[in-house]
Structure formats: C-alpha cells, structure tokens
C-alpha cells in the first residue's frame, strides 16, 4: 500500500499545482472574448500547468493499477480535496466556514478509515 499512497500523493500534488497555476493565471481575467482565451492557452505558465495535470493523471492511473478501484478513488479524491483546501486557504486566501472545516475533518477521517483497509486487490 505504501507505493499506492506515494502515487496518490504525487497525483494530488501535481493536480493541485496545475490547478493553482491556472487559477493564478486567471487573476483579473474575465475570459469573455476569444482573444482572452487564446492568450491564456498560449501562455507558457498555462501550458506548464496543463502538463502538470496530465502528469497527475498518469500518477493516478498508476495508483489505480496498484489496488482496488473502491479504495483508490475515494482516497485519491479525498487527498486531492484536502490539498486543494490547504492551497486555497494559504495561497488564495479562501475562507473556511465552520461547516467547511467540519467537512474537512470528516474527509480526513474517511481517508484514514479507508487507508486502514490495506488488503491489496489487484
């Protein structure tokens, strides 16, 4: 299961990094015209972000090959969600309400419970 967790962490880190770079590029942009869209997709940072997201998919596929679908998908989604919240909070100053924080704690609890099931089902 340790290699599986490594691939899941790599997936989440690459995916959230790519999404954060795209969000950063979108600051102050409305994307209302074709020219704005074209300028965005031809931007080197946007292309790098897109490559990170593609690499995250490859890490995710590798994680799927190491364990059962019903284990990998919830854990990978939860880890990705947690990392997204952390990056959003610290990098983009997103706010967390009490209910959001409670959901965050429940997601972490679910990931821990799923991770305890370490049977490999290939």
C-alpha atoms as a PDB file:
ATOM      1  CA  UNK A   1       0.000   0.000   0.000  1.00  0.00           C
ATOM      2  CA  UNK A   2       2.959   2.391   0.526  1.00  0.00           C
ATOM      3  CA  UNK A   3       3.633   2.698  -3.229  1.00  0.00           C
ATOM      4  CA  UNK A   4      -0.063   3.282  -3.748  1.00  0.00           C
ATOM      5  CA  UNK A   5      -0.028   6.171  -1.266  1.00  0.00           C
ATOM      6  CA  UNK A   6       3.059   7.588  -2.977  1.00  0.00           C
ATOM      7  CA  UNK A   7       1.265   7.594  -6.352  1.00  0.00           C
ATOM      8  CA  UNK A   8      -1.849   9.108  -4.788  1.00  0.00           C
ATOM      9  CA  UNK A   9       0.201  11.878  -3.165  1.00  0.00           C
ATOM     10  CA  UNK A  10       2.025  12.518  -6.444  1.00  0.00           C
ATOM     11  CA  UNK A  11      -1.331  12.672  -8.251  1.00  0.00           C
ATOM     12  CA  UNK A  12      -2.751  15.183  -5.782  1.00  0.00           C
ATOM     13  CA  UNK A  13       0.384  17.346  -5.679  1.00  0.00           C
ATOM     14  CA  UNK A  14       0.651  17.566  -9.475  1.00  0.00           C
ATOM     15  CA  UNK A  15      -3.086  18.081  -9.958  1.00  0.00           C
ATOM     16  CA  UNK A  16      -3.447  20.832  -7.358  1.00  0.00           C
ATOM     17  CA  UNK A  17      -0.222  22.522  -8.503  1.00  0.00           C
ATOM     18  CA  UNK A  18      -1.516  22.627 -12.067  1.00  0.00           C
ATOM     19  CA  UNK A  19      -4.907  23.938 -10.985  1.00  0.00           C
ATOM     20  CA  UNK A  20      -3.282  26.574  -8.747  1.00  0.00           C
ATOM     21  CA  UNK A  21      -1.094  27.784 -11.615  1.00  0.00           C
ATOM     22  CA  UNK A  22      -4.169  28.102 -13.815  1.00  0.00           C
ATOM     23  CA  UNK A  23      -6.075  29.943 -11.074  1.00  0.00           C
ATOM     24  CA  UNK A  24      -3.087  32.268 -10.660  1.00  0.00           C
ATOM     25  CA  UNK A  25      -3.126  32.990 -14.402  1.00  0.00           C
ATOM     26  CA  UNK A  26      -6.856  33.772 -14.240  1.00  0.00           C
ATOM     27  CA  UNK A  27      -6.467  36.594 -11.692  1.00  0.00           C
ATOM     28  CA  UNK A  28      -8.108  39.696 -13.111  1.00  0.00           C
ATOM     29  CA  UNK A  29      -9.213  37.974 -16.312  1.00  0.00           C
ATOM     30  CA  UNK A  30     -12.818  37.530 -17.364  1.00  0.00           C
ATOM     31  CA  UNK A  31     -12.263  35.245 -20.388  1.00  0.00           C
ATOM     32  CA  UNK A  32     -15.155  36.860 -22.225  1.00  0.00           C
ATOM     33  CA  UNK A  33     -13.500  37.100 -25.626  1.00  0.00           C
ATOM     34  CA  UNK A  34     -11.813  34.585 -27.880  1.00  0.00           C
ATOM     35  CA  UNK A  35      -8.631  36.683 -27.688  1.00  0.00           C
ATOM     36  CA  UNK A  36      -8.528  36.372 -23.885  1.00  0.00           C
ATOM     37  CA  UNK A  37      -8.947  32.600 -24.158  1.00  0.00           C
ATOM     38  CA  UNK A  38      -6.277  32.359 -26.828  1.00  0.00           C
ATOM     39  CA  UNK A  39      -3.850  34.460 -24.796  1.00  0.00           C
ATOM     40  CA  UNK A  40      -4.465  32.184 -21.799  1.00  0.00           C
ATOM     41  CA  UNK A  41      -3.966  28.855 -23.574  1.00  0.00           C
ATOM     42  CA  UNK A  42      -0.809  30.069 -25.332  1.00  0.00           C
ATOM     43  CA  UNK A  43       0.702  31.301 -22.070  1.00  0.00           C
ATOM     44  CA  UNK A  44       3.783  29.278 -21.011  1.00  0.00           C
ATOM     45  CA  UNK A  45       2.586  29.033 -17.402  1.00  0.00           C
ATOM     46  CA  UNK A  46      -0.792  27.725 -18.541  1.00  0.00           C
ATOM     47  CA  UNK A  47       0.880  25.125 -20.759  1.00  0.00           C
ATOM     48  CA  UNK A  48       3.110  24.051 -17.839  1.00  0.00           C
ATOM     49  CA  UNK A  49       0.028  23.781 -15.616  1.00  0.00           C
ATOM     50  CA  UNK A  50      -1.727  21.654 -18.208  1.00  0.00           C
ATOM     51  CA  UNK A  51       1.314  19.363 -18.401  1.00  0.00           C
ATOM     52  CA  UNK A  52       1.253  19.010 -14.599  1.00  0.00           C
ATOM     53  CA  UNK A  53      -2.396  17.985 -14.774  1.00  0.00           C
ATOM     54  CA  UNK A  54      -1.633  15.399 -17.472  1.00  0.00           C
ATOM     55  CA  UNK A  55       1.228  14.036 -15.353  1.00  0.00           C
ATOM     56  CA  UNK A  56      -1.155  13.870 -12.384  1.00  0.00           C
ATOM     57  CA  UNK A  57      -3.472  11.681 -14.463  1.00  0.00           C
ATOM     58  CA  UNK A  58      -0.581   9.310 -15.217  1.00  0.00           C
ATOM     59  CA  UNK A  59       0.226   9.044 -11.489  1.00  0.00           C
ATOM     60  CA  UNK A  60      -3.460   8.405 -10.827  1.00  0.00           C
ATOM     61  CA  UNK A  61      -3.559   5.626 -13.438  1.00  0.00           C
ATOM     62  CA  UNK A  62      -0.519   4.031 -11.797  1.00  0.00           C
ATOM     63  CA  UNK A  63      -2.234   4.221  -8.397  1.00  0.00           C
ATOM     64  CA  UNK A  64      -5.289   2.528  -9.894  1.00  0.00           C
ATOM     65  CA  UNK A  65      -3.091  -0.297 -11.145  1.00  0.00           C
ATOM     66  CA  UNK A  66      -1.808  -1.000  -7.623  1.00  0.00           C
ATOM     67  CA  UNK A  67      -5.030  -1.531  -5.680  1.00  0.00           C
ATOM     68  CA  UNK A  68      -8.801  -1.822  -5.926  1.00  0.00           C
ATOM     69  CA  UNK A  69     -10.941   0.843  -7.546  1.00  0.00           C
ATOM     70  CA  UNK A  70     -13.109   1.261  -4.436  1.00  0.00           C
ATOM     71  CA  UNK A  71     -10.035   2.065  -2.336  1.00  0.00           C
ATOM     72  CA  UNK A  72      -8.045   4.258  -4.741  1.00  0.00           C
ATOM     73  CA  UNK A  73     -10.798   6.576  -5.961  1.00  0.00           C
ATOM     74  CA  UNK A  74     -12.076   7.723  -2.531  1.00  0.00           C
ATOM     75  CA  UNK A  75      -8.586   8.127  -1.061  1.00  0.00           C
ATOM     76  CA  UNK A  76      -7.210   9.968  -4.116  1.00  0.00           C
ATOM     77  CA  UNK A  77     -10.254  12.237  -4.294  1.00  0.00           C
ATOM     78  CA  UNK A  78     -10.042  12.988  -0.579  1.00  0.00           C
ATOM     79  CA  UNK A  79      -6.311  13.733  -0.628  1.00  0.00           C
ATOM     80  CA  UNK A  80      -6.793  15.950  -3.672  1.00  0.00           C
ATOM     81  CA  UNK A  81      -9.645  17.753  -1.902  1.00  0.00           C
ATOM     82  CA  UNK A  82      -7.617  18.295   1.267  1.00  0.00           C
ATOM     83  CA  UNK A  83      -4.632  19.626  -0.645  1.00  0.00           C
ATOM     84  CA  UNK A  84      -6.940  21.902  -2.649  1.00  0.00           C
ATOM     85  CA  UNK A  85      -8.389  23.362   0.561  1.00  0.00           C
ATOM     86  CA  UNK A  86      -4.925  23.928   2.039  1.00  0.00           C
ATOM     87  CA  UNK A  87      -3.596  25.603  -1.125  1.00  0.00           C
ATOM     88  CA  UNK A  88      -6.759  27.677  -1.478  1.00  0.00           C
ATOM     89  CA  UNK A  89      -6.561  28.832   2.119  1.00  0.00           C
ATOM     90  CA  UNK A  90      -2.871  29.752   2.146  1.00  0.00           C
ATOM     91  CA  UNK A  91      -2.236  30.806  -1.461  1.00  0.00           C
ATOM     92  CA  UNK A  92      -5.567  32.357  -2.464  1.00  0.00           C
ATOM     93  CA  UNK A  93      -6.871  33.356   0.998  1.00  0.00           C
ATOM     94  CA  UNK A  94     -10.044  31.271   0.590  1.00  0.00           C
ATOM     95  CA  UNK A  95     -12.153  31.282   3.764  1.00  0.00           C
ATOM     96  CA  UNK A  96     -13.285  28.175   5.645  1.00  0.00           C
ATOM     97  CA  UNK A  97     -16.609  28.303   7.482  1.00  0.00           C
ATOM     98  CA  UNK A  98     -17.261  26.060  10.470  1.00  0.00           C
ATOM     99  CA  UNK A  99     -19.231  23.653   8.272  1.00  0.00           C
ATOM    100  CA  UNK A 100     -16.413  23.580   5.724  1.00  0.00           C
ATOM    101  CA  UNK A 101     -13.925  22.822   8.498  1.00  0.00           C
ATOM    102  CA  UNK A 102     -16.210  20.079   9.837  1.00  0.00           C
ATOM    103  CA  UNK A 103     -16.432  18.574   6.334  1.00  0.00           C
ATOM    104  CA  UNK A 104     -12.638  18.776   6.105  1.00  0.00           C
ATOM    105  CA  UNK A 105     -12.314  16.788   9.361  1.00  0.00           C
ATOM    106  CA  UNK A 106     -14.832  14.199   8.170  1.00  0.00           C
ATOM    107  CA  UNK A 107     -12.959  13.752   4.891  1.00  0.00           C
ATOM    108  CA  UNK A 108      -9.682  13.208   6.741  1.00  0.00           C
ATOM    109  CA  UNK A 109     -11.435  10.665   8.996  1.00  0.00           C
ATOM    110  CA  UNK A 110     -12.798   8.828   5.953  1.00  0.00           C
ATOM    111  CA  UNK A 111      -9.375   8.695   4.313  1.00  0.00           C
ATOM    112  CA  UNK A 112      -7.853   7.272   7.486  1.00  0.00           C
ATOM    113  CA  UNK A 113     -10.570   4.614   7.716  1.00  0.00           C
ATOM    114  CA  UNK A 114     -10.184   3.652   4.057  1.00  0.00           C
ATOM    115  CA  UNK A 115      -6.408   3.549   4.405  1.00  0.00           C
ATOM    116  CA  UNK A 116      -6.715   1.071   7.257  1.00  0.00           C
ATOM    117  CA  UNK A 117      -8.087  -1.440   4.766  1.00  0.00           C
ATOM    118  CA  UNK A 118      -4.683  -2.407   3.406  1.00  0.00           C
ATOM    119  CA  UNK A 119      -5.706  -5.537   1.540  1.00  0.00           C
ATOM    120  CA  UNK A 120      -4.376  -5.436  -1.989  1.00  0.00           C
ATOM    121  CA  UNK A 121      -6.995  -6.315  -4.598  1.00  0.00           C
ATOM    122  CA  UNK A 122      -5.319  -6.229  -7.991  1.00  0.00           C
END
